[in-house]
């Protein structure tokens, strides 16, 4: 039995074998290898195999992967697949069709498709882990299908500038688009600079958005996070909305479906929100379910919340309480009013421990949250310098 730690809560994932696939043959790919391109390995690999790709740039190479329990990994320095406008099956640089797939240390860029949804990865199987990957300058970062039995984990990864020219084509591109699956977990990752589309859109039944930096920065997304169908647990994240945003709300919940289901759960705990859009909102909850907000630090001129919500020890403040907000350094200054003003968030209705266990560490990582005294409000804990 394998278990995944989500914010201190052990969630059983008996059937989720993707994190520990059974390995078979290792196929080595690289300019000095017998297999020069990843697509050559895609034609030869069998279920349970490992494909190791030497560091370097692989241009124009795209592939479909039908194997089960497959691991694809870039070697030291990382492998960069630049599609230069190509897409396998008119879908993506890599179309992953098998179950229990792991992709590690891979950079994917340049996918384009006639349907305007060319992705770095199109995932059509059940259960996927992405670790230490970078998706950028595709029409879509990752795009997944409908699979109510599937779990997807993305960690220590970066997604940026995956977009479509909306004024020209009338289509949206998103950094991350997760279809109707069972569970989506995004942790310790850097998601930024979506343009017109969303930074994160997930239709998963359960969503765990933990310890990430999700920011507009130089572009303007529609939503930072859009959860149109299912519930979510957003803990310890850094959120930034620019003045160029296409939508007034930073986060959207139940904007399309399940608006009349009172058992939908949305928890926002120890996040830091920075809103540069005048008159916007931190959250737009379209459902009748009450969103639970605990220990969030709210920076900016935005209105607080739209829709049913219950706030507990949220704190509004100005950007001058942050160490260097212009550089997206949202750690607290020594005199910040957020220090020691939080409470223990306790447990969610489903028994999940809500106390923040980590803090985001840039880029694409996290470290244990060290606490001195009562819990601080926001995504970071202020740690006073100890005397020598």
Protein backbone atom coordinates (compact mmCIF):
# COMPACT_ATOMS: atom_id res chain seq x y z
CA UNK A 1 0.00 0.00 0.00
CA UNK A 2 1.31 3.44 -0.94
CA UNK A 3 0.30 6.64 0.77
CA UNK A 4 0.52 10.25 -0.37
CA UNK A 5 1.07 12.95 2.25
CA UNK A 6 -1.20 15.92 1.57
CA UNK A 7 -0.67 18.76 4.06
CA UNK A 8 -0.10 16.33 6.91
CA UNK A 9 -3.04 14.12 6.02
CA UNK A 10 -2.39 10.53 4.95
CA UNK A 11 -4.61 9.63 2.03
CA UNK A 12 -4.69 6.00 1.02
CA UNK A 13 -3.96 5.40 -2.63
CA UNK A 14 -3.93 1.64 -2.81
CA UNK A 15 -4.55 1.55 -6.53
CA UNK A 16 -2.21 4.41 -7.36
CA UNK A 17 0.96 2.63 -8.44
CA UNK A 18 2.36 5.37 -10.66
CA UNK A 19 4.78 6.68 -8.07
CA UNK A 20 6.48 3.26 -7.88
CA UNK A 21 6.14 1.57 -11.28
CA UNK A 22 7.63 -1.85 -11.95
CA UNK A 23 10.69 -1.19 -14.11
CA UNK A 24 11.69 -3.33 -17.06
CA UNK A 25 14.18 -2.52 -19.81
CA UNK A 26 15.95 0.85 -19.80
CA UNK A 27 16.11 2.57 -23.20
CA UNK A 28 18.77 5.26 -23.52
CA UNK A 29 18.21 8.15 -25.90
CA UNK A 30 20.67 10.81 -27.02
CA UNK A 31 22.80 12.16 -29.86
CA UNK A 32 25.55 9.63 -29.07
CA UNK A 33 23.18 6.70 -28.49
CA UNK A 34 21.75 4.10 -30.83
CA UNK A 35 18.35 5.76 -30.30
CA UNK A 36 18.81 9.39 -31.31
CA UNK A 37 15.31 10.68 -30.58
CA UNK A 38 12.64 10.03 -27.94
CA UNK A 39 10.19 9.05 -30.71
CA UNK A 40 12.43 6.08 -31.51
CA UNK A 41 12.10 4.86 -27.92
CA UNK A 42 8.33 5.37 -28.10
CA UNK A 43 8.18 2.80 -30.90
CA UNK A 44 10.29 0.21 -29.04
CA UNK A 45 9.50 0.49 -25.34
CA UNK A 46 7.25 -2.07 -23.64
CA UNK A 47 5.09 -1.96 -20.54
CA UNK A 48 7.08 -1.24 -17.39
CA UNK A 49 10.13 0.12 -19.22
CA UNK A 50 12.22 3.21 -18.46
CA UNK A 51 13.26 5.71 -21.12
CA UNK A 52 16.29 7.81 -20.12
CA UNK A 53 16.93 10.84 -22.34
CA UNK A 54 20.32 12.53 -22.33
CA UNK A 55 20.43 16.25 -21.61
CA UNK A 56 20.14 18.41 -24.70
CA UNK A 57 17.75 19.94 -27.20
CA UNK A 58 15.52 17.71 -29.36
CA UNK A 59 13.79 19.79 -32.02
CA UNK A 60 10.68 18.84 -33.95
CA UNK A 61 10.43 15.40 -32.36
CA UNK A 62 6.95 14.35 -31.17
CA UNK A 63 5.54 10.95 -30.20
CA UNK A 64 2.63 8.90 -28.91
CA UNK A 65 3.35 6.54 -26.02
CA UNK A 66 0.92 3.58 -25.61
CA UNK A 67 2.85 1.79 -22.84
CA UNK A 68 1.62 1.01 -19.32
CA UNK A 69 3.73 1.74 -16.20
CA UNK A 70 6.20 3.75 -18.24
CA UNK A 71 8.84 6.08 -16.79
CA UNK A 72 10.32 8.80 -19.01
CA UNK A 73 13.10 10.82 -17.46
CA UNK A 74 15.60 13.42 -18.54
CA UNK A 75 19.15 12.89 -17.36
CA UNK A 76 21.38 15.43 -15.60
CA UNK A 77 20.73 18.90 -16.96
CA UNK A 78 17.33 17.92 -18.36
CA UNK A 79 16.08 17.06 -21.83
CA UNK A 80 14.31 19.80 -23.81
CA UNK A 81 11.73 18.79 -26.41
CA UNK A 82 11.07 21.82 -28.65
CA UNK A 83 8.30 20.84 -31.04
CA UNK A 84 8.79 23.94 -33.27
CA UNK A 85 5.08 23.78 -34.13
CA UNK A 86 4.63 20.00 -34.42
CA UNK A 87 2.20 17.81 -32.49
CA UNK A 88 1.72 14.02 -32.41
CA UNK A 89 -1.78 13.07 -33.61
CA UNK A 90 -2.46 16.80 -33.88
CA UNK A 91 -2.59 16.88 -30.05
CA UNK A 92 0.72 17.30 -28.22
CA UNK A 93 4.46 16.83 -28.14
CA UNK A 94 3.80 13.66 -26.19
CA UNK A 95 0.47 11.84 -26.20
CA UNK A 96 0.54 9.52 -23.18
CA UNK A 97 -2.05 6.77 -23.55
CA UNK A 98 -1.02 4.24 -20.89
CA UNK A 99 -1.73 3.96 -17.19
CA UNK A 100 0.63 4.66 -14.28
CA UNK A 101 3.03 6.92 -16.16
CA UNK A 102 5.86 8.96 -14.61
CA UNK A 103 7.60 11.85 -16.39
CA UNK A 104 10.60 13.48 -14.72
CA UNK A 105 13.11 16.23 -15.55
CA UNK A 106 11.69 17.09 -18.98
CA UNK A 107 11.18 20.47 -20.68
CA UNK A 108 8.44 20.71 -23.32
CA UNK A 109 7.81 23.72 -25.55
CA UNK A 110 6.61 24.82 -28.96
CA UNK A 111 3.56 22.59 -29.51
CA UNK A 112 0.95 23.83 -31.96
CA UNK A 113 -2.11 22.10 -33.40
CA UNK A 114 -4.83 23.04 -35.91
CA UNK A 115 -7.43 22.81 -33.12
CA UNK A 116 -5.41 25.43 -31.20
CA UNK A 117 -4.91 23.13 -28.21
CA UNK A 118 -1.46 21.76 -28.94
CA UNK A 119 -0.09 20.71 -25.55
CA UNK A 120 3.22 19.76 -24.06
CA UNK A 121 1.49 16.59 -22.88
CA UNK A 122 -1.95 15.19 -23.70
CA UNK A 123 -2.71 12.55 -21.09
CA UNK A 124 -5.29 9.90 -22.02
CA UNK A 125 -4.53 7.17 -19.47
CA UNK A 126 -5.12 6.60 -15.77
CA UNK A 127 -2.73 7.97 -13.11
CA UNK A 128 0.12 10.33 -13.99
CA UNK A 129 3.02 11.82 -12.07
CA UNK A 130 4.93 14.85 -13.39
CA UNK A 131 8.00 15.78 -11.42
CA UNK A 132 10.58 18.52 -12.04
CA UNK A 133 9.21 19.36 -15.48
CA UNK A 134 8.89 22.65 -17.37
CA UNK A 135 6.11 23.39 -19.86
CA UNK A 136 6.25 26.69 -21.73
CA UNK A 137 5.21 28.40 -24.96
CA UNK A 138 2.78 25.71 -26.07
CA UNK A 139 -0.87 26.39 -26.87
CA UNK A 140 -1.67 24.35 -23.74
CA UNK A 141 0.72 23.24 -21.05
CA UNK A 142 -0.89 19.94 -20.09
CA UNK A 143 -4.33 18.80 -21.22
CA UNK A 144 -5.99 15.69 -19.80
CA UNK A 145 -9.11 13.76 -20.64
CA UNK A 146 -12.11 12.54 -18.66
CA UNK A 147 -11.35 9.61 -16.36
CA UNK A 148 -13.21 9.34 -13.02
CA UNK A 149 -10.71 6.75 -11.73
CA UNK A 150 -7.57 8.77 -12.44
CA UNK A 151 -5.26 10.64 -10.05
CA UNK A 152 -2.74 13.20 -11.32
CA UNK A 153 0.19 14.55 -9.32
CA UNK A 154 2.29 17.51 -10.47
CA UNK A 155 5.14 18.55 -8.20
CA UNK A 156 8.28 20.70 -8.33
CA UNK A 157 7.39 21.83 -11.85
CA UNK A 158 6.94 25.05 -13.82
CA UNK A 159 4.29 26.09 -16.34
CA UNK A 160 4.37 29.45 -18.12
CA UNK A 161 3.34 31.25 -21.30
CA UNK A 162 1.18 28.43 -22.62
CA UNK A 163 -1.41 30.37 -24.55
CA UNK A 164 -3.34 31.01 -27.74
CA UNK A 165 -3.69 34.38 -29.46
CA UNK A 166 -7.28 34.96 -28.28
CA UNK A 167 -8.00 38.21 -30.21
CA UNK A 168 -6.93 36.45 -33.40
CA UNK A 169 -8.44 32.97 -32.89
CA UNK A 170 -11.13 33.32 -30.20
CA UNK A 171 -9.67 30.33 -28.32
CA UNK A 172 -8.15 30.06 -24.85
CA UNK A 173 -4.91 28.37 -23.89
CA UNK A 174 -4.21 27.38 -20.28
CA UNK A 175 -1.04 26.55 -18.42
CA UNK A 176 -2.75 23.57 -16.77
CA UNK A 177 -6.09 22.03 -17.82
CA UNK A 178 -7.16 18.95 -15.88
CA UNK A 179 -10.29 17.12 -17.05
CA UNK A 180 -12.92 15.30 -14.98
CA UNK A 181 -10.73 12.97 -12.93
CA UNK A 182 -10.86 11.71 -9.34
CA UNK A 183 -8.03 13.66 -7.72
CA UNK A 184 -5.60 16.38 -8.80
CA UNK A 185 -2.63 17.39 -6.66
CA UNK A 186 -0.40 20.36 -7.52
CA UNK A 187 2.39 21.05 -5.06
CA UNK A 188 5.68 22.92 -4.76
CA UNK A 189 5.33 24.33 -8.28
CA UNK A 190 5.64 27.65 -10.11
CA UNK A 191 2.69 28.44 -12.41
CA UNK A 192 2.80 31.85 -14.03
CA UNK A 193 2.15 34.16 -16.94
CA UNK A 194 -0.87 32.61 -18.53
CA UNK A 195 -2.27 35.12 -21.01
CA UNK A 196 -6.08 35.43 -21.29
CA UNK A 197 -6.50 31.77 -20.27
CA UNK A 198 -6.17 30.33 -16.78
CA UNK A 199 -3.03 29.51 -14.90
CA UNK A 200 -4.74 26.45 -13.41
CA UNK A 201 -8.07 24.94 -14.44
CA UNK A 202 -9.17 21.65 -12.96
CA UNK A 203 -12.43 19.73 -13.24
CA UNK A 204 -11.22 17.06 -10.81
CA UNK A 205 -13.61 15.91 -8.10
CA UNK A 206 -10.95 16.64 -5.46
CA UNK A 207 -8.21 19.26 -5.83
CA UNK A 208 -5.19 19.73 -3.58
CA UNK A 209 -3.35 22.95 -4.43
CA UNK A 210 -0.48 23.04 -1.93
CA UNK A 211 2.52 25.34 -1.48
CA UNK A 212 2.74 26.80 -4.98
CA UNK A 213 3.52 30.19 -6.51
CA UNK A 214 0.66 30.94 -8.93
CA UNK A 215 1.14 34.42 -10.35
CA UNK A 216 0.27 36.64 -13.30
CA UNK A 217 3.50 38.65 -13.16
CA UNK A 218 4.08 40.25 -16.59
CA UNK A 219 0.90 38.81 -18.20
CA UNK A 220 -2.77 38.78 -17.28
CA UNK A 221 -4.64 35.51 -16.86
CA UNK A 222 -8.38 35.02 -16.67
CA UNK A 223 -8.37 33.13 -13.34
CA UNK A 224 -5.34 32.15 -11.33
CA UNK A 225 -7.23 29.01 -10.31
CA UNK A 226 -10.57 27.86 -11.73
CA UNK A 227 -12.33 24.89 -10.11
CA UNK A 228 -15.56 24.77 -12.12
CA UNK A 229 -16.74 21.31 -11.04
CA UNK A 230 -15.23 19.98 -7.82
CA UNK A 231 -14.04 20.88 -4.35
CA UNK A 232 -10.61 22.06 -3.36
CA UNK A 233 -8.06 22.48 -0.59
CA UNK A 234 -5.76 25.44 -1.28
CA UNK A 235 -3.10 25.66 1.42
CA UNK A 236 0.09 27.72 1.68
CA UNK A 237 0.03 29.23 -1.82
CA UNK A 238 1.28 32.57 -3.14
CA UNK A 239 -1.30 34.16 -5.44
CA UNK A 240 -0.71 37.30 -7.51
CA UNK A 241 -3.15 38.91 -9.89
CA UNK A 242 -1.89 41.63 -12.19
CA UNK A 243 -3.66 44.79 -13.27
CA UNK A 244 -3.84 43.25 -16.77
CA UNK A 245 -6.11 40.39 -15.74
CA UNK A 246 -8.99 39.35 -18.00
CA UNK A 247 -11.25 38.55 -15.03
CA UNK A 248 -11.95 40.43 -11.83
CA UNK A 249 -11.74 37.34 -9.60
CA UNK A 250 -8.47 35.70 -8.63
CA UNK A 251 -10.06 32.32 -7.83
CA UNK A 252 -13.32 30.86 -9.16
CA UNK A 253 -15.30 28.00 -7.64
CA UNK A 254 -18.25 26.12 -9.19
CA UNK A 255 -18.60 28.61 -12.01
CA UNK A 256 -20.00 25.98 -14.38
CA UNK A 257 -21.43 22.99 -12.46
CA UNK A 258 -22.52 21.67 -9.05
CA UNK A 259 -23.63 25.07 -7.84
CA UNK A 260 -26.53 23.70 -5.79
CA UNK A 261 -24.63 20.96 -3.95
CA UNK A 262 -24.14 22.04 -0.32
CA UNK A 263 -21.58 19.31 0.39
CA UNK A 264 -18.99 20.75 -1.97
CA UNK A 265 -15.92 21.65 0.09
CA UNK A 266 -13.63 24.61 -0.55
CA UNK A 267 -10.94 25.47 1.98
CA UNK A 268 -8.49 28.34 1.62
CA UNK A 269 -5.91 28.15 4.40
CA UNK A 270 -2.76 30.22 5.03
CA UNK A 271 -2.49 31.61 1.52
CA UNK A 272 -1.05 35.01 0.60
CA UNK A 273 -3.13 36.91 -1.98
CA UNK A 274 -1.70 39.97 -3.73
CA UNK A 275 -4.17 41.71 -6.03
CA UNK A 276 -3.05 44.56 -8.28
CA UNK A 277 -6.42 44.76 -10.06
CA UNK A 278 -8.54 47.59 -8.62
CA UNK A 279 -12.06 46.53 -7.75
CA UNK A 280 -11.44 42.83 -8.22
CA UNK A 281 -12.21 39.98 -5.83
CA UNK A 282 -10.05 37.43 -4.09
CA UNK A 283 -12.66 34.70 -4.55
CA UNK A 284 -15.88 34.24 -6.55
CA UNK A 285 -17.85 31.34 -5.12
CA UNK A 286 -20.74 30.51 -7.46
CA UNK A 287 -22.11 27.68 -5.31
CA UNK A 288 -24.42 27.59 -2.32
CA UNK A 289 -21.71 25.81 -0.31
CA UNK A 290 -19.82 27.95 2.17
CA UNK A 291 -16.15 28.49 1.35
CA UNK A 292 -14.00 28.24 4.48
CA UNK A 293 -11.17 30.76 4.72
CA UNK A 294 -8.63 30.59 7.54
CA UNK A 295 -5.43 32.60 8.13
CA UNK A 296 -5.24 34.15 4.65
CA UNK A 297 -3.26 37.34 4.08
CA UNK A 298 -5.14 39.62 1.67
CA UNK A 299 -3.12 42.37 -0.03
CA UNK A 300 -4.56 44.91 -2.45
CA UNK A 301 -7.58 47.01 -3.26
CA UNK A 302 -9.81 44.10 -4.20
CA UNK A 303 -13.07 43.39 -2.47
CA UNK A 304 -12.71 40.42 -0.17
CA UNK A 305 -15.05 37.66 -1.33
CA UNK A 306 -18.10 37.06 -3.52
CA UNK A 307 -20.51 34.28 -2.63
CA UNK A 308 -21.05 32.25 0.56
CA UNK A 309 -17.96 32.26 2.74
CA UNK A 310 -16.80 32.14 6.32
CA UNK A 311 -13.60 33.95 7.21
CA UNK A 312 -11.61 33.13 10.32
CA UNK A 313 -8.49 35.14 11.11
CA UNK A 314 -8.02 36.42 7.58
CA UNK A 315 -6.13 39.70 7.55
CA UNK A 316 -6.22 42.58 5.10
CA UNK A 317 -3.04 44.60 4.79
CA UNK A 318 -0.99 46.72 2.44
CA UNK A 319 1.90 45.45 0.36
CA UNK A 320 4.41 47.22 2.61
CA UNK A 321 4.10 44.36 5.12
CA UNK A 322 5.84 42.07 2.59
CA UNK A 323 9.58 41.84 2.20
CA UNK A 324 9.80 42.67 -1.54
CA UNK A 325 6.41 42.39 -3.30
CA UNK A 326 7.74 43.94 -6.53
CA UNK A 327 9.96 40.85 -6.87
CA UNK A 328 7.20 38.48 -5.66
CA UNK A 329 8.99 37.91 -2.38
CA UNK A 330 5.98 37.58 -0.10
CA UNK A 331 7.80 36.77 3.11
CA UNK A 332 6.80 38.92 6.07
CA UNK A 333 8.70 41.94 7.32
CA UNK A 334 9.67 41.89 11.02
CA UNK A 335 6.85 44.29 11.96
CA UNK A 336 4.11 42.71 9.82
CA UNK A 337 0.72 42.60 11.58
CA UNK A 338 0.26 39.02 10.32
CA UNK A 339 2.86 37.69 12.76
CA UNK A 340 1.34 35.43 15.47
CA UNK A 341 -2.20 36.34 14.39
CA UNK A 342 -3.29 32.97 12.99
CA UNK A 343 -5.08 30.09 14.61
CA UNK A 344 -4.74 26.35 14.27
CA UNK A 345 -6.97 25.50 11.27
CA UNK A 346 -7.79 22.04 12.61
CA UNK A 347 -9.49 19.50 10.38
CA UNK A 348 -11.63 19.75 7.26
CA UNK A 349 -15.04 18.13 7.16
CA UNK A 350 -13.46 15.06 5.51
CA UNK A 351 -10.87 14.73 8.28
CA UNK A 352 -7.95 16.27 6.36
CA UNK A 353 -5.43 18.13 8.53
CA UNK A 354 -5.45 21.77 7.40
CA UNK A 355 -2.41 23.06 9.28
CA UNK A 356 0.25 24.23 6.80
CA UNK A 357 3.26 21.93 6.93
CA UNK A 358 5.53 23.57 4.33
CA UNK A 359 6.26 26.87 2.59
CA UNK A 360 6.95 27.40 -1.09
CA UNK A 361 10.63 27.87 -1.90
CA UNK A 362 11.46 29.51 -5.21
CA UNK A 363 11.96 28.14 -7.74
CA UNK A 364 9.88 24.94 -7.82
CA UNK A 365 10.32 23.64 -4.31
CA UNK A 366 9.31 23.77 -0.67
CA UNK A 367 10.76 23.59 2.81
CA UNK A 368 9.30 22.74 6.18
CA UNK A 369 7.34 25.55 7.80
CA UNK A 370 9.09 26.47 11.03
CA UNK A 371 6.81 28.01 13.61
CA UNK A 372 7.77 30.34 16.45
CA UNK A 373 4.84 30.97 18.75
CA UNK A 374 1.30 31.16 17.31
CA UNK A 375 0.81 30.48 13.62
CA UNK A 376 1.33 33.51 11.35
CA UNK A 377 -1.29 34.61 8.84
CA UNK A 378 -0.37 33.93 5.20
CA UNK A 379 1.82 31.51 3.32
CA UNK A 380 5.05 32.32 5.18
CA UNK A 381 6.10 32.11 8.81
CA UNK A 382 8.29 34.95 10.04
CA UNK A 383 11.38 33.52 11.70
CA UNK A 384 13.24 35.95 13.91
CA UNK A 385 17.01 35.74 13.75
CA UNK A 386 18.32 33.83 16.70
CA UNK A 387 21.10 35.41 18.82
CA UNK A 388 24.59 33.98 18.34
